[in-house]
Amino acid sequence: MQTSVQRLKQVVDWRAAAWAGLASGVFSLVVNSVLTAITLGSPWLFIRMAAGILLGTPALDDGPTPGIATILVGLLVHLALSLAFAALLAFIIHRWGMAVGVLGGAAFGLALYGINIFGLSALFPWFYGLRNWMMLVSHVVFGALAGGLYELWEVEMFE
């Protein structure tokens, strides 16, 4: 059992945060690819848009199947953002347990949706098309999964 002093000194388990971010990022990428394939006819849409953050609009016009450079840059951007967002989420929720991890993570995902979709649309106009239910659900699921996995995998420092 932890004393209150030990509880205050508890630090974020960055390894658990990284694994939670990676797993949640891969899961959300698969979900996004499947949903865009079913509803919009292309599993590559999300990868192209993520790649466009670094490569610009040429990544969006890369033919029916994107080139390997576009795919790799899209994966790199998406997973780097997933890791960063999961680290921020872990910092916020690391002391609160599984329920807050999942529910707080879902709320965090909802906030990310607003920031990413509405904020990124100002900088990268091709994200305007992602203002839809698929991306809303995807962000909320990412947050809930990242928060839950972090709490599941977190190693308490003072156990």
C-alpha atoms as a PDB file:
ATOM      1  CA  MET A   1       0.000   0.000   0.000  1.00  0.00           C
ATOM      2  CA  GLN A   2       1.302   3.433  -0.946  1.00  0.00           C
ATOM      3  CA  THR A   3       1.636   6.294   1.445  1.00  0.00           C
ATOM      4  CA  SER A   4       0.396   9.697   0.319  1.00  0.00           C
ATOM      5  CA  VAL A   5       4.011  10.879  -0.094  1.00  0.00           C
ATOM      6  CA  GLN A   6       4.812   7.918  -2.334  1.00  0.00           C
ATOM      7  CA  ARG A   7       1.671   8.556  -4.372  1.00  0.00           C
ATOM      8  CA  LEU A   8       2.714  12.173  -4.941  1.00  0.00           C
ATOM      9  CA  LYS A   9       6.179  11.092  -6.043  1.00  0.00           C
ATOM     10  CA  GLN A  10       4.882   8.597  -8.567  1.00  0.00           C
ATOM     11  CA  VAL A  11       6.194   9.334 -12.035  1.00  0.00           C
ATOM     12  CA  VAL A  12       4.869   8.562 -15.455  1.00  0.00           C
ATOM     13  CA  ASP A  13       5.859   5.175 -16.871  1.00  0.00           C
ATOM     14  CA  TRP A  14       7.141   6.432 -20.217  1.00  0.00           C
ATOM     15  CA  ARG A  15       7.700   2.926 -21.565  1.00  0.00           C
ATOM     16  CA  ALA A  16       4.034   2.065 -20.951  1.00  0.00           C
ATOM     17  CA  ALA A  17       3.051   5.392 -22.537  1.00  0.00           C
ATOM     18  CA  ALA A  18       5.134   4.617 -25.630  1.00  0.00           C
ATOM     19  CA  TRP A  19       3.679   1.120 -26.023  1.00  0.00           C
ATOM     20  CA  ALA A  20       0.152   2.432 -25.460  1.00  0.00           C
ATOM     21  CA  GLY A  21       0.731   5.126 -28.090  1.00  0.00           C
ATOM     22  CA  LEU A  22       2.162   2.677 -30.587  1.00  0.00           C
ATOM     23  CA  ALA A  23      -0.608   0.101 -30.096  1.00  0.00           C
ATOM     24  CA  SER A  24      -3.362   2.729 -30.172  1.00  0.00           C
ATOM     25  CA  GLY A  25      -1.810   4.404 -33.194  1.00  0.00           C
ATOM     26  CA  VAL A  26      -1.628   1.158 -35.157  1.00  0.00           C
ATOM     27  CA  PHE A  27      -5.179   0.243 -34.166  1.00  0.00           C
ATOM     28  CA  SER A  28      -6.563   3.647 -35.159  1.00  0.00           C
ATOM     29  CA  LEU A  29      -4.665   3.538 -38.450  1.00  0.00           C
ATOM     30  CA  VAL A  30      -6.207   0.156 -39.289  1.00  0.00           C
ATOM     31  CA  VAL A  31      -9.683   1.378 -38.297  1.00  0.00           C
ATOM     32  CA  ASN A  32      -9.263   4.569 -40.350  1.00  0.00           C
ATOM     33  CA  SER A  33      -8.017   2.615 -43.366  1.00  0.00           C
ATOM     34  CA  VAL A  34     -10.910   0.146 -43.206  1.00  0.00           C
ATOM     35  CA  LEU A  35     -13.528   2.866 -42.720  1.00  0.00           C
ATOM     36  CA  THR A  36     -12.197   5.018 -45.561  1.00  0.00           C
ATOM     37  CA  ALA A  37     -11.978   1.965 -47.819  1.00  0.00           C
ATOM     38  CA  ILE A  38     -15.608   1.062 -47.104  1.00  0.00           C
ATOM     39  CA  THR A  39     -17.106   4.543 -47.202  1.00  0.00           C
ATOM     40  CA  LEU A  40     -14.818   6.436 -49.580  1.00  0.00           C
ATOM     41  CA  GLY A  41     -13.283   3.674 -51.687  1.00  0.00           C
ATOM     42  CA  SER A  42      -9.628   4.109 -50.697  1.00  0.00           C
ATOM     43  CA  PRO A  43      -7.746   2.661 -47.731  1.00  0.00           C
ATOM     44  CA  TRP A  44      -4.895   5.078 -48.470  1.00  0.00           C
ATOM     45  CA  LEU A  45      -6.721   8.341 -47.801  1.00  0.00           C
ATOM     46  CA  PHE A  46      -5.646   8.727 -44.182  1.00  0.00           C
ATOM     47  CA  ILE A  47      -2.003   7.813 -44.939  1.00  0.00           C
ATOM     48  CA  ARG A  48      -1.907  10.346 -47.781  1.00  0.00           C
ATOM     49  CA  MET A  49      -3.322  13.098 -45.587  1.00  0.00           C
ATOM     50  CA  ALA A  50      -0.855  12.378 -42.792  1.00  0.00           C
ATOM     51  CA  ALA A  51       2.019  12.323 -45.296  1.00  0.00           C
ATOM     52  CA  GLY A  52       0.818  15.641 -46.667  1.00  0.00           C
ATOM     53  CA  ILE A  53       1.775  17.303 -43.375  1.00  0.00           C
ATOM     54  CA  LEU A  54       5.449  16.863 -44.332  1.00  0.00           C
ATOM     55  CA  LEU A  55       5.280  16.332 -48.103  1.00  0.00           C
ATOM     56  CA  GLY A  56       2.584  18.860 -48.980  1.00  0.00           C
ATOM     57  CA  THR A  57      -0.140  18.405 -51.580  1.00  0.00           C
ATOM     58  CA  PRO A  58       1.925  16.125 -53.879  1.00  0.00           C
ATOM     59  CA  ALA A  59       1.289  13.326 -51.363  1.00  0.00           C
ATOM     60  CA  LEU A  60      -2.434  13.670 -52.056  1.00  0.00           C
ATOM     61  CA  ASP A  61      -2.023  13.258 -55.831  1.00  0.00           C
ATOM     62  CA  ASP A  62       0.209  10.199 -55.823  1.00  0.00           C
ATOM     63  CA  GLY A  63      -1.899   8.006 -58.157  1.00  0.00           C
ATOM     64  CA  PRO A  64      -4.347   5.246 -57.195  1.00  0.00           C
ATOM     65  CA  THR A  65      -1.810   3.611 -54.876  1.00  0.00           C
ATOM     66  CA  PRO A  66       0.641   5.929 -53.137  1.00  0.00           C
ATOM     67  CA  GLY A  67       4.366   5.491 -53.574  1.00  0.00           C
ATOM     68  CA  ILE A  68       6.478   3.920 -50.875  1.00  0.00           C
ATOM     69  CA  ALA A  69       7.826   7.324 -49.777  1.00  0.00           C
ATOM     70  CA  THR A  70       4.293   8.636 -49.213  1.00  0.00           C
ATOM     71  CA  ILE A  71       3.329   5.504 -47.273  1.00  0.00           C
ATOM     72  CA  LEU A  72       6.436   5.625 -45.061  1.00  0.00           C
ATOM     73  CA  VAL A  73       6.103   9.353 -44.354  1.00  0.00           C
ATOM     74  CA  GLY A  74       2.391   8.933 -43.602  1.00  0.00           C
ATOM     75  CA  LEU A  75       3.136   6.096 -41.183  1.00  0.00           C
ATOM     76  CA  LEU A  76       5.951   8.074 -39.572  1.00  0.00           C
ATOM     77  CA  VAL A  77       3.784  11.176 -39.069  1.00  0.00           C
ATOM     78  CA  HIS A  78       0.811   9.196 -37.748  1.00  0.00           C
ATOM     79  CA  LEU A  79       2.843   7.082 -35.323  1.00  0.00           C
ATOM     80  CA  ALA A  80       4.932  10.039 -34.117  1.00  0.00           C
ATOM     81  CA  LEU A  81       1.739  11.958 -33.337  1.00  0.00           C
ATOM     82  CA  SER A  82       0.270   8.867 -31.659  1.00  0.00           C
ATOM     83  CA  LEU A  83       3.331   8.540 -29.434  1.00  0.00           C
ATOM     84  CA  ALA A  84       3.293  12.242 -28.553  1.00  0.00           C
ATOM     85  CA  PHE A  85      -0.431  12.273 -27.784  1.00  0.00           C
ATOM     86  CA  ALA A  86      -0.191   9.103 -25.679  1.00  0.00           C
ATOM     87  CA  ALA A  87       2.716  10.595 -23.708  1.00  0.00           C
ATOM     88  CA  LEU A  88       0.664  13.722 -23.009  1.00  0.00           C
ATOM     89  CA  LEU A  89      -2.334  11.595 -22.025  1.00  0.00           C
ATOM     90  CA  ALA A  90      -0.190   9.448 -19.714  1.00  0.00           C
ATOM     91  CA  PHE A  91       1.122  12.574 -18.020  1.00  0.00           C
ATOM     92  CA  ILE A  92      -2.456  13.723 -17.409  1.00  0.00           C
ATOM     93  CA  ILE A  93      -3.992  10.434 -16.206  1.00  0.00           C
ATOM     94  CA  HIS A  94      -1.107   8.490 -14.677  1.00  0.00           C
ATOM     95  CA  ARG A  95      -2.358   8.624 -11.100  1.00  0.00           C
ATOM     96  CA  TRP A  96      -6.039   7.910 -11.532  1.00  0.00           C
ATOM     97  CA  GLY A  97      -6.584   4.248 -12.462  1.00  0.00           C
ATOM     98  CA  MET A  98      -8.306   2.317 -15.235  1.00  0.00           C
ATOM     99  CA  ALA A  99     -11.715   4.028 -15.230  1.00  0.00           C
ATOM    100  CA  VAL A 100     -10.176   7.476 -15.576  1.00  0.00           C
ATOM    101  CA  GLY A 101      -7.679   6.080 -18.082  1.00  0.00           C
ATOM    102  CA  VAL A 102     -10.456   4.921 -20.405  1.00  0.00           C
ATOM    103  CA  LEU A 103     -13.007   7.691 -19.796  1.00  0.00           C
ATOM    104  CA  GLY A 104     -10.401  10.440 -19.503  1.00  0.00           C
ATOM    105  CA  GLY A 105      -8.709   9.041 -22.595  1.00  0.00           C
ATOM    106  CA  ALA A 106     -11.999   9.180 -24.507  1.00  0.00           C
ATOM    107  CA  ALA A 107     -12.463  12.827 -23.456  1.00  0.00           C
ATOM    108  CA  PHE A 108      -8.859  13.495 -24.463  1.00  0.00           C
ATOM    109  CA  GLY A 109      -9.592  11.900 -27.859  1.00  0.00           C
ATOM    110  CA  LEU A 110     -12.623  14.141 -28.279  1.00  0.00           C
ATOM    111  CA  ALA A 111     -10.474  17.191 -27.537  1.00  0.00           C
ATOM    112  CA  LEU A 112      -7.844  15.918 -29.994  1.00  0.00           C
ATOM    113  CA  TYR A 113     -10.525  15.631 -32.654  1.00  0.00           C
ATOM    114  CA  GLY A 114     -11.415  19.279 -32.207  1.00  0.00           C
ATOM    115  CA  ILE A 115      -7.802  20.411 -32.184  1.00  0.00           C
ATOM    116  CA  ASN A 116      -6.612  18.148 -35.000  1.00  0.00           C
ATOM    117  CA  ILE A 117      -9.502  18.444 -37.395  1.00  0.00           C
ATOM    118  CA  PHE A 118     -10.473  22.061 -36.878  1.00  0.00           C
ATOM    119  CA  GLY A 119      -6.966  23.331 -36.137  1.00  0.00           C
ATOM    120  CA  LEU A 120      -5.183  21.310 -38.798  1.00  0.00           C
ATOM    121  CA  SER A 121      -7.771  22.336 -41.377  1.00  0.00           C
ATOM    122  CA  ALA A 122      -6.517  25.899 -41.045  1.00  0.00           C
ATOM    123  CA  LEU A 123      -2.936  24.843 -41.776  1.00  0.00           C
ATOM    124  CA  PHE A 124      -3.574  21.868 -44.049  1.00  0.00           C
ATOM    125  CA  PRO A 125      -6.875  22.372 -45.927  1.00  0.00           C
ATOM    126  CA  TRP A 126      -7.116  18.735 -47.058  1.00  0.00           C
ATOM    127  CA  PHE A 127      -8.056  17.810 -43.468  1.00  0.00           C
ATOM    128  CA  TYR A 128     -11.319  19.711 -43.915  1.00  0.00           C
ATOM    129  CA  GLY A 129     -12.763  16.591 -45.542  1.00  0.00           C
ATOM    130  CA  LEU A 130     -12.089  14.591 -42.386  1.00  0.00           C
ATOM    131  CA  ARG A 131     -14.639  16.547 -40.357  1.00  0.00           C
ATOM    132  CA  ASN A 132     -16.967  13.571 -40.054  1.00  0.00           C
ATOM    133  CA  TRP A 133     -18.239  10.867 -37.725  1.00  0.00           C
ATOM    134  CA  MET A 134     -15.460   8.439 -38.726  1.00  0.00           C
ATOM    135  CA  MET A 135     -12.706  10.693 -37.486  1.00  0.00           C
ATOM    136  CA  LEU A 136     -14.670  11.638 -34.377  1.00  0.00           C
ATOM    137  CA  VAL A 137     -15.122   7.976 -33.429  1.00  0.00           C
ATOM    138  CA  SER A 138     -11.523   7.210 -34.363  1.00  0.00           C
ATOM    139  CA  HIS A 139     -10.133   9.938 -32.102  1.00  0.00           C
ATOM    140  CA  VAL A 140     -12.348   8.965 -29.159  1.00  0.00           C
ATOM    141  CA  VAL A 141     -11.423   5.280 -29.543  1.00  0.00           C
ATOM    142  CA  PHE A 142      -7.731   6.185 -29.841  1.00  0.00           C
ATOM    143  CA  GLY A 143      -7.869   8.164 -26.590  1.00  0.00           C
ATOM    144  CA  ALA A 144      -9.852   5.532 -24.695  1.00  0.00           C
ATOM    145  CA  LEU A 145      -7.558   2.758 -25.905  1.00  0.00           C
ATOM    146  CA  ALA A 146      -4.365   4.729 -25.208  1.00  0.00           C
ATOM    147  CA  GLY A 147      -5.563   5.629 -21.706  1.00  0.00           C
ATOM    148  CA  GLY A 148      -6.725   2.102 -20.929  1.00  0.00           C
ATOM    149  CA  LEU A 149      -3.575   0.454 -22.266  1.00  0.00           C
ATOM    150  CA  TYR A 150      -1.386   2.903 -20.397  1.00  0.00           C
ATOM    151  CA  GLU A 151      -3.139   2.118 -17.121  1.00  0.00           C
ATOM    152  CA  LEU A 152      -2.998  -1.607 -17.888  1.00  0.00           C
ATOM    153  CA  TRP A 153       0.720  -1.575 -18.686  1.00  0.00           C
ATOM    154  CA  GLU A 154       1.853   1.084 -16.218  1.00  0.00           C
ATOM    155  CA  VAL A 155       4.290  -0.123 -13.588  1.00  0.00           C
ATOM    156  CA  GLU A 156       3.706   1.659 -10.315  1.00  0.00           C
ATOM    157  CA  MET A 157       6.991   2.993  -9.032  1.00  0.00           C
ATOM    158  CA  PHE A 158       6.246   2.475  -5.335  1.00  0.00           C
ATOM    159  CA  GLU A 159       4.304  -0.784  -5.253  1.00  0.00           C
END
